[in-house]
Amino acid sequence: METPSNHPRALPSPRDVLARGALLLDVDGTLINLAPRPDEVVVPGSLRIDLEALLGAMDGALALVTGRALTDVEELFAPLRLPVAAEHGAVMRSRPGGEARRAVLPAAPEPWRRTALAFAARHEGIVFEEKPAGFVLHYRLAPDLGDPAFDLLASLVNTMPDFEILRASMAWEVRPHGIHKGVAVREMMREPPFAGRLPIFIGDDVTDEDGIAAAEALGGMGYRVPDDFPEPEAVRAWLTSLLAGAHDPAT
């Protein structure tokens, strides 16, 4: 892909992205601004419009790759039913509006969930987030409690090797071992309409590094907020520019 040089790291041209690329986009902190609580984020209406237009322009080769549960993604981006790798790839849908399939995974033991919920109830600012196969403790509202939250989860997970703790953005996630965005990217890129295109992954935190590495290993590109895009608004502006640039002979 040819790339312009007016960016911290060169971005592919709009025509190349639309004709040959596959956009793989993290959600929180990449497409949309972070919020104190995961249920307080806002998806701009203009983003939905651009994603729908890009989906058509790229023959469906655009997917959200997120740690969120599929139900959260569907609610946030309704009425769109985009291709998605939810829960870091535990749930996959490769075609717009298609059926999602869930990997067969162990669920975190119920006593762990009760322990984490009790911790959140005792500590103001700790937010518990339920997921089908695991759960998250968010400490964005109580940064000093990040280490105690980790210690609690480690005391649980260390007893069961099928699970691991993932460091996210001001949060700790308990999830089944071996599920990550790198696996999700590789699986997505094997299926139509992604197969044969070059993956372009954009993310913002440590949970996205596996996805970026996989995209690059497949001959594609990986970009980060804030290294390559200063903020989610810049990512959204770039997506808008892809649609405008597709009709500009100079791009």
Protein backbone atom coordinates (compact mmCIF):
# COMPACT_ATOMS: atom_id res chain seq x y z
CA MET A 1 0.00 0.00 0.00
CA GLU A 2 1.23 3.48 -0.81
CA THR A 3 1.29 5.80 2.19
CA PRO A 4 1.32 9.60 2.60
CA SER A 5 4.04 11.09 4.79
CA ASN A 6 2.13 13.82 6.69
CA HIS A 7 1.44 11.73 9.81
CA PRO A 8 3.52 10.50 12.81
CA ARG A 9 3.42 7.08 11.14
CA ALA A 10 2.38 6.95 7.55
CA LEU A 11 -1.22 5.96 6.97
CA PRO A 12 -2.35 4.11 3.86
CA SER A 13 -4.12 6.17 1.23
CA PRO A 14 -7.93 6.16 1.22
CA ARG A 15 -8.09 4.33 -2.09
CA ASP A 16 -5.74 1.61 -0.85
CA VAL A 17 -7.69 1.16 2.37
CA LEU A 18 -11.02 0.81 0.60
CA ALA A 19 -9.73 -1.39 -2.22
CA ARG A 20 -7.27 -3.65 -0.39
CA GLY A 21 -7.54 -3.09 3.34
CA ALA A 22 -9.49 -4.66 6.17
CA LEU A 23 -10.20 -2.31 9.06
CA LEU A 24 -10.03 -3.92 12.51
CA LEU A 25 -10.99 -1.35 15.12
CA ASP A 26 -10.92 -1.41 18.89
CA VAL A 27 -13.83 0.44 20.49
CA ASP A 28 -13.17 2.03 23.91
CA GLY A 29 -10.35 4.56 23.77
CA THR A 30 -9.97 4.12 20.01
CA LEU A 31 -13.30 4.79 18.29
CA ILE A 32 -15.01 6.35 21.29
CA ASN A 33 -13.80 8.30 24.29
CA LEU A 34 -13.31 6.49 27.57
CA ALA A 35 -15.77 7.19 30.38
CA PRO A 36 -15.60 6.74 34.17
CA ARG A 37 -17.88 3.71 33.85
CA PRO A 38 -18.17 1.38 30.84
CA ASP A 39 -21.93 2.01 30.59
CA GLU A 40 -21.41 5.78 30.32
CA VAL A 41 -19.62 5.90 26.96
CA VAL A 42 -21.20 7.71 24.03
CA VAL A 43 -21.12 6.65 20.37
CA PRO A 44 -21.50 9.72 18.13
CA GLY A 45 -24.21 9.38 15.51
CA SER A 46 -21.72 10.47 12.85
CA LEU A 47 -19.54 7.46 13.70
CA ARG A 48 -22.40 5.07 13.01
CA ILE A 49 -23.00 6.78 9.67
CA ASP A 50 -19.33 6.53 8.68
CA LEU A 51 -18.99 2.90 9.77
CA GLU A 52 -22.03 1.93 7.73
CA ALA A 53 -20.68 3.78 4.69
CA LEU A 54 -17.23 2.23 5.07
CA LEU A 55 -18.74 -1.21 5.44
CA GLY A 56 -20.40 -0.79 2.06
CA ALA A 57 -17.34 0.76 0.43
CA MET A 58 -15.10 -2.07 1.67
CA ASP A 59 -17.43 -4.94 0.78
CA GLY A 60 -17.91 -5.68 4.47
CA ALA A 61 -14.22 -5.85 5.44
CA LEU A 62 -14.55 -3.78 8.61
CA ALA A 63 -14.84 -5.24 12.10
CA LEU A 64 -14.91 -4.11 15.69
CA VAL A 65 -12.37 -5.98 17.83
CA THR A 66 -13.23 -5.35 21.46
CA GLY A 67 -13.19 -6.74 24.94
CA ARG A 68 -16.84 -5.80 25.38
CA ALA A 69 -19.59 -8.39 25.38
CA LEU A 70 -21.52 -8.75 22.14
CA THR A 71 -24.70 -7.44 23.78
CA ASP A 72 -22.87 -4.22 24.71
CA VAL A 73 -21.57 -3.79 21.17
CA GLU A 74 -25.03 -4.34 19.68
CA GLU A 75 -26.55 -1.79 22.04
CA LEU A 76 -23.86 0.84 21.49
CA PHE A 77 -23.88 0.66 17.70
CA ALA A 78 -27.57 -0.10 17.07
CA PRO A 79 -29.09 -0.39 14.57
CA LEU A 80 -25.84 -1.55 12.93
CA ARG A 81 -24.89 -5.21 13.21
CA LEU A 82 -21.26 -4.99 12.22
CA PRO A 83 -18.72 -7.77 11.92
CA VAL A 84 -17.24 -8.12 15.39
CA ALA A 85 -14.78 -9.98 17.55
CA ALA A 86 -16.27 -9.47 21.02
CA GLU A 87 -14.79 -10.47 24.37
CA HIS A 88 -11.31 -10.38 22.79
CA GLY A 89 -12.39 -12.91 20.17
CA ALA A 90 -14.43 -15.34 22.26
CA VAL A 91 -17.43 -14.30 20.14
CA MET A 92 -16.99 -13.82 16.39
CA ARG A 93 -19.17 -12.55 13.55
CA SER A 94 -17.42 -12.09 10.22
CA ARG A 95 -20.32 -10.86 8.08
CA PRO A 96 -22.57 -7.83 8.63
CA GLY A 97 -25.82 -8.95 10.19
CA GLY A 98 -24.68 -12.57 10.31
CA GLU A 99 -24.93 -14.98 13.19
CA ALA A 100 -22.28 -14.76 15.88
CA ARG A 101 -20.51 -17.88 17.09
CA ARG A 102 -19.11 -18.34 20.57
CA ALA A 103 -16.03 -20.37 21.41
CA VAL A 104 -16.59 -23.15 23.92
CA LEU A 105 -14.84 -21.79 27.00
CA PRO A 106 -14.93 -22.41 30.73
CA ALA A 107 -16.83 -19.83 32.74
CA ALA A 108 -15.20 -18.15 35.72
CA PRO A 109 -16.32 -19.94 38.90
CA GLU A 110 -19.32 -18.37 40.59
CA PRO A 111 -17.46 -17.95 43.93
CA TRP A 112 -14.93 -15.77 42.11
CA ARG A 113 -17.70 -13.53 40.82
CA ARG A 114 -19.22 -13.22 44.28
CA THR A 115 -15.82 -12.35 45.75
CA ALA A 116 -15.20 -9.67 43.12
CA LEU A 117 -18.71 -8.26 43.54
CA ALA A 118 -18.21 -8.07 47.30
CA PHE A 119 -14.91 -6.24 46.78
CA ALA A 120 -16.66 -3.71 44.54
CA ALA A 121 -19.45 -3.27 47.09
CA ARG A 122 -16.93 -2.55 49.85
CA HIS A 123 -14.83 -0.06 47.90
CA GLU A 124 -16.35 3.09 46.44
CA GLY A 125 -15.15 3.68 42.89
CA ILE A 126 -14.61 0.02 42.00
CA VAL A 127 -16.95 -1.04 39.19
CA PHE A 128 -17.73 -4.70 38.52
CA GLU A 129 -18.48 -5.62 34.89
CA GLU A 130 -20.02 -8.99 34.10
CA LYS A 131 -19.02 -10.98 31.02
CA PRO A 132 -20.26 -14.39 29.91
CA ALA A 133 -16.94 -16.16 30.48
CA GLY A 134 -15.33 -13.81 32.99
CA PHE A 135 -15.57 -10.40 34.62
CA VAL A 136 -13.77 -7.10 35.07
CA LEU A 137 -12.92 -4.86 38.01
CA HIS A 138 -12.60 -1.24 36.86
CA TYR A 139 -10.67 1.15 39.09
CA ARG A 140 -10.71 4.33 36.97
CA LEU A 141 -12.73 6.07 39.70
CA ALA A 142 -10.42 4.77 42.44
CA PRO A 143 -6.85 4.58 41.06
CA ASP A 144 -5.35 3.78 44.47
CA LEU A 145 -7.31 0.54 44.55
CA GLY A 146 -5.77 -0.88 41.39
CA ASP A 147 -3.12 -2.91 43.21
CA PRO A 148 -5.48 -4.30 45.89
CA ALA A 149 -7.93 -5.28 43.15
CA PHE A 150 -5.19 -7.12 41.30
CA ASP A 151 -4.01 -8.89 44.44
CA LEU A 152 -7.54 -10.11 45.10
CA LEU A 153 -7.97 -11.46 41.58
CA ALA A 154 -4.51 -13.03 41.57
CA SER A 155 -5.37 -14.94 44.74
CA LEU A 156 -8.28 -16.48 42.82
CA VAL A 157 -6.75 -17.04 39.41
CA ASN A 158 -3.55 -18.58 40.77
CA THR A 159 -5.60 -21.57 41.87
CA MET A 160 -6.86 -22.35 38.35
CA PRO A 161 -4.52 -22.32 35.31
CA ASP A 162 -7.38 -22.15 32.80
CA PHE A 163 -7.80 -18.44 33.59
CA GLU A 164 -5.61 -15.36 33.48
CA ILE A 165 -5.71 -11.70 34.47
CA LEU A 166 -5.55 -9.17 31.66
CA ARG A 167 -4.41 -5.63 32.36
CA ALA A 168 -6.73 -3.24 30.54
CA SER A 169 -7.19 0.55 30.73
CA MET A 170 -7.57 1.17 34.49
CA ALA A 171 -9.10 -2.27 34.87
CA TRP A 172 -8.27 -5.92 35.52
CA GLU A 173 -10.11 -8.59 33.55
CA VAL A 174 -10.40 -12.26 34.46
CA ARG A 175 -10.81 -14.33 31.31
CA PRO A 176 -10.13 -17.84 29.99
CA HIS A 177 -6.49 -18.39 29.10
CA GLY A 178 -5.50 -18.11 25.44
CA ILE A 179 -8.25 -15.76 24.24
CA HIS A 180 -6.84 -12.51 22.89
CA LYS A 181 -7.15 -10.10 20.00
CA GLY A 182 -4.26 -11.66 18.08
CA VAL A 183 -6.18 -14.92 17.77
CA ALA A 184 -9.27 -12.91 16.81
CA VAL A 185 -7.44 -11.05 14.04
CA ARG A 186 -6.00 -14.23 12.55
CA GLU A 187 -9.37 -15.96 12.59
CA MET A 188 -11.18 -12.96 11.10
CA MET A 189 -8.61 -12.61 8.31
CA ARG A 190 -9.15 -16.21 7.22
CA GLU A 191 -12.81 -15.61 6.42
CA PRO A 192 -14.62 -13.70 3.67
CA PRO A 193 -14.84 -10.78 3.16
CA PHE A 194 -11.55 -10.23 5.03
CA ALA A 195 -9.48 -12.99 3.41
CA GLY A 196 -7.05 -11.69 0.80
CA ARG A 197 -7.02 -8.15 2.20
CA LEU A 198 -4.37 -6.46 4.34
CA PRO A 199 -5.36 -5.99 8.00
CA ILE A 200 -5.21 -2.48 9.47
CA PHE A 201 -5.62 -2.64 13.24
CA ILE A 202 -6.11 0.42 15.44
CA GLY A 203 -6.08 0.16 19.24
CA ASP A 204 -5.15 2.10 22.33
CA ASP A 205 -3.99 -0.12 25.19
CA VAL A 206 -2.18 -3.30 26.14
CA THR A 207 -5.19 -5.48 25.23
CA ASP A 208 -4.68 -4.40 21.61
CA GLU A 209 -1.00 -5.29 21.31
CA ASP A 210 -1.69 -8.89 20.30
CA GLY A 211 -4.04 -7.64 17.60
CA ILE A 212 -1.48 -5.17 16.29
CA ALA A 213 1.23 -7.85 16.26
CA ALA A 214 -1.04 -10.25 14.37
CA ALA A 215 -1.97 -7.61 11.79
CA GLU A 216 1.68 -6.80 11.16
CA ALA A 217 2.64 -10.49 10.98
CA LEU A 218 0.01 -10.92 8.27
CA GLY A 219 1.62 -8.15 6.22
CA GLY A 220 -0.70 -5.42 7.42
CA MET A 221 -0.36 -2.43 9.73
CA GLY A 222 -0.99 -1.55 13.34
CA TYR A 223 -1.63 1.90 14.79
CA ARG A 224 -2.07 3.17 18.32
CA VAL A 225 -3.81 5.93 20.22
CA PRO A 226 -2.09 8.20 21.26
CA ASP A 227 1.14 7.34 19.40
CA ASP A 228 -0.29 7.57 15.88
CA PHE A 229 -3.64 9.23 16.56
CA PRO A 230 -3.71 11.68 19.49
CA GLU A 231 -7.25 10.77 20.55
CA PRO A 232 -10.38 8.92 19.39
CA GLU A 233 -11.63 12.06 17.65
CA ALA A 234 -8.61 11.80 15.34
CA VAL A 235 -9.42 8.18 14.53
CA ARG A 236 -12.99 9.14 13.70
CA ALA A 237 -11.78 12.03 11.55
CA TRP A 238 -9.50 9.67 9.64
CA LEU A 239 -12.37 7.28 8.99
CA THR A 240 -14.39 10.20 7.62
CA SER A 241 -11.45 11.21 5.43
CA LEU A 242 -11.33 7.73 3.90
CA LEU A 243 -14.78 8.23 2.45
CA ALA A 244 -13.97 11.72 1.20
CA GLY A 245 -10.57 10.70 -0.16
CA ALA A 246 -11.97 7.82 -2.12
CA HIS A 247 -13.44 10.34 -4.57
CA ASP A 248 -10.34 12.55 -4.74
CA PRO A 249 -7.99 11.67 -7.64
CA ALA A 250 -5.04 13.10 -5.68
CA THR A 251 -5.31 10.49 -2.89
